[in-house]
Amino acid sequence: MTSPSATGPREIYRIDWLPGTDVLHGTCHCGAENSAQDPVEMWEWMLGHPEGHQPRGSDS
């Protein structure tokens, strides 16, 4: 088995459910964040990189 460090950098996508709501909050590997109620919409946003992405701390 190969360790993750030997395979190079990994892209990490994180989706959290906000308890008490129907809202999903996603964080892309680039640091951009988005919220949506539809899981398909959330994954399309994440995997459509870089369209729709505004990383935290970006000026544009």
C-alpha atoms as a PDB file:
ATOM      1  CA  MET A   1       0.000   0.000   0.000  1.00  0.00           C
ATOM      2  CA  THR A   2       1.279   3.481  -0.886  1.00  0.00           C
ATOM      3  CA  SER A   3       1.124   6.308   1.624  1.00  0.00           C
ATOM      4  CA  PRO A   4      -0.784   9.481   0.576  1.00  0.00           C
ATOM      5  CA  SER A   5       2.407  11.574   0.730  1.00  0.00           C
ATOM      6  CA  ALA A   6       4.051   9.316  -1.854  1.00  0.00           C
ATOM      7  CA  THR A   7       1.246   9.900  -4.369  1.00  0.00           C
ATOM      8  CA  GLY A   8       1.494  13.717  -4.285  1.00  0.00           C
ATOM      9  CA  PRO A   9      -0.948  16.353  -3.025  1.00  0.00           C
ATOM     10  CA  ARG A  10      -4.554  15.344  -2.520  1.00  0.00           C
ATOM     11  CA  GLU A  11      -7.611  17.428  -3.322  1.00  0.00           C
ATOM     12  CA  ILE A  12      -9.936  17.425  -0.341  1.00  0.00           C
ATOM     13  CA  TYR A  13     -13.594  18.313  -0.711  1.00  0.00           C
ATOM     14  CA  ARG A  14     -15.689  18.710   2.412  1.00  0.00           C
ATOM     15  CA  ILE A  15     -19.473  18.891   2.701  1.00  0.00           C
ATOM     16  CA  ASP A  16     -21.093  19.472   6.071  1.00  0.00           C
ATOM     17  CA  TRP A  17     -24.789  19.333   6.879  1.00  0.00           C
ATOM     18  CA  LEU A  18     -25.939  22.248   9.014  1.00  0.00           C
ATOM     19  CA  PRO A  19     -28.023  20.587  11.763  1.00  0.00           C
ATOM     20  CA  GLY A  20     -31.602  21.784  12.043  1.00  0.00           C
ATOM     21  CA  THR A  21     -31.652  22.900   8.394  1.00  0.00           C
ATOM     22  CA  ASP A  22     -31.739  21.437   4.893  1.00  0.00           C
ATOM     23  CA  VAL A  23     -28.545  23.316   4.056  1.00  0.00           C
ATOM     24  CA  LEU A  24     -25.259  21.731   3.001  1.00  0.00           C
ATOM     25  CA  HIS A  25     -22.065  23.756   3.350  1.00  0.00           C
ATOM     26  CA  GLY A  26     -19.202  22.804   1.077  1.00  0.00           C
ATOM     27  CA  THR A  27     -15.537  23.703   1.157  1.00  0.00           C
ATOM     28  CA  CYS A  28     -13.441  23.051  -1.931  1.00  0.00           C
ATOM     29  CA  HIS A  29      -9.753  22.094  -1.900  1.00  0.00           C
ATOM     30  CA  CYS A  30      -8.994  25.661  -3.075  1.00  0.00           C
ATOM     31  CA  GLY A  31     -10.662  27.157   0.008  1.00  0.00           C
ATOM     32  CA  ALA A  32     -13.787  28.429  -1.749  1.00  0.00           C
ATOM     33  CA  GLU A  33     -17.058  27.867   0.126  1.00  0.00           C
ATOM     34  CA  ASN A  34     -20.654  27.450  -1.010  1.00  0.00           C
ATOM     35  CA  SER A  35     -24.007  26.522   0.521  1.00  0.00           C
ATOM     36  CA  ALA A  36     -26.892  24.708  -1.150  1.00  0.00           C
ATOM     37  CA  GLN A  37     -29.891  22.558  -0.279  1.00  0.00           C
ATOM     38  CA  ASP A  38     -29.464  20.159  -3.189  1.00  0.00           C
ATOM     39  CA  PRO A  39     -26.601  17.629  -2.867  1.00  0.00           C
ATOM     40  CA  VAL A  40     -26.310  17.336  -6.670  1.00  0.00           C
ATOM     41  CA  GLU A  41     -25.981  21.114  -6.983  1.00  0.00           C
ATOM     42  CA  MET A  42     -23.281  21.082  -4.308  1.00  0.00           C
ATOM     43  CA  TRP A  43     -21.208  18.380  -6.043  1.00  0.00           C
ATOM     44  CA  GLU A  44     -21.602  20.044  -9.453  1.00  0.00           C
ATOM     45  CA  TRP A  45     -20.273  23.262  -7.923  1.00  0.00           C
ATOM     46  CA  MET A  46     -17.296  21.480  -6.361  1.00  0.00           C
ATOM     47  CA  LEU A  47     -16.369  19.409  -9.386  1.00  0.00           C
ATOM     48  CA  GLY A  48     -16.910  22.323 -11.815  1.00  0.00           C
ATOM     49  CA  HIS A  49     -13.697  23.945 -10.602  1.00  0.00           C
ATOM     50  CA  PRO A  50     -12.762  26.743 -11.200  1.00  0.00           C
ATOM     51  CA  GLU A  51     -16.166  28.001 -12.454  1.00  0.00           C
ATOM     52  CA  GLY A  52     -18.088  29.585  -9.606  1.00  0.00           C
ATOM     53  CA  HIS A  53     -15.148  29.426  -7.236  1.00  0.00           C
ATOM     54  CA  GLN A  54     -14.059  32.457  -5.245  1.00  0.00           C
ATOM     55  CA  PRO A  55     -11.327  31.332  -2.834  1.00  0.00           C
ATOM     56  CA  ARG A  56     -11.277  32.959   0.596  1.00  0.00           C
ATOM     57  CA  GLY A  57      -9.099  36.054   0.664  1.00  0.00           C
ATOM     58  CA  SER A  58      -9.388  36.572  -3.100  1.00  0.00           C
ATOM     59  CA  ASP A  59      -9.651  40.174  -4.303  1.00  0.00           C
ATOM     60  CA  SER A  60     -11.743  39.491  -7.417  1.00  0.00           C
END
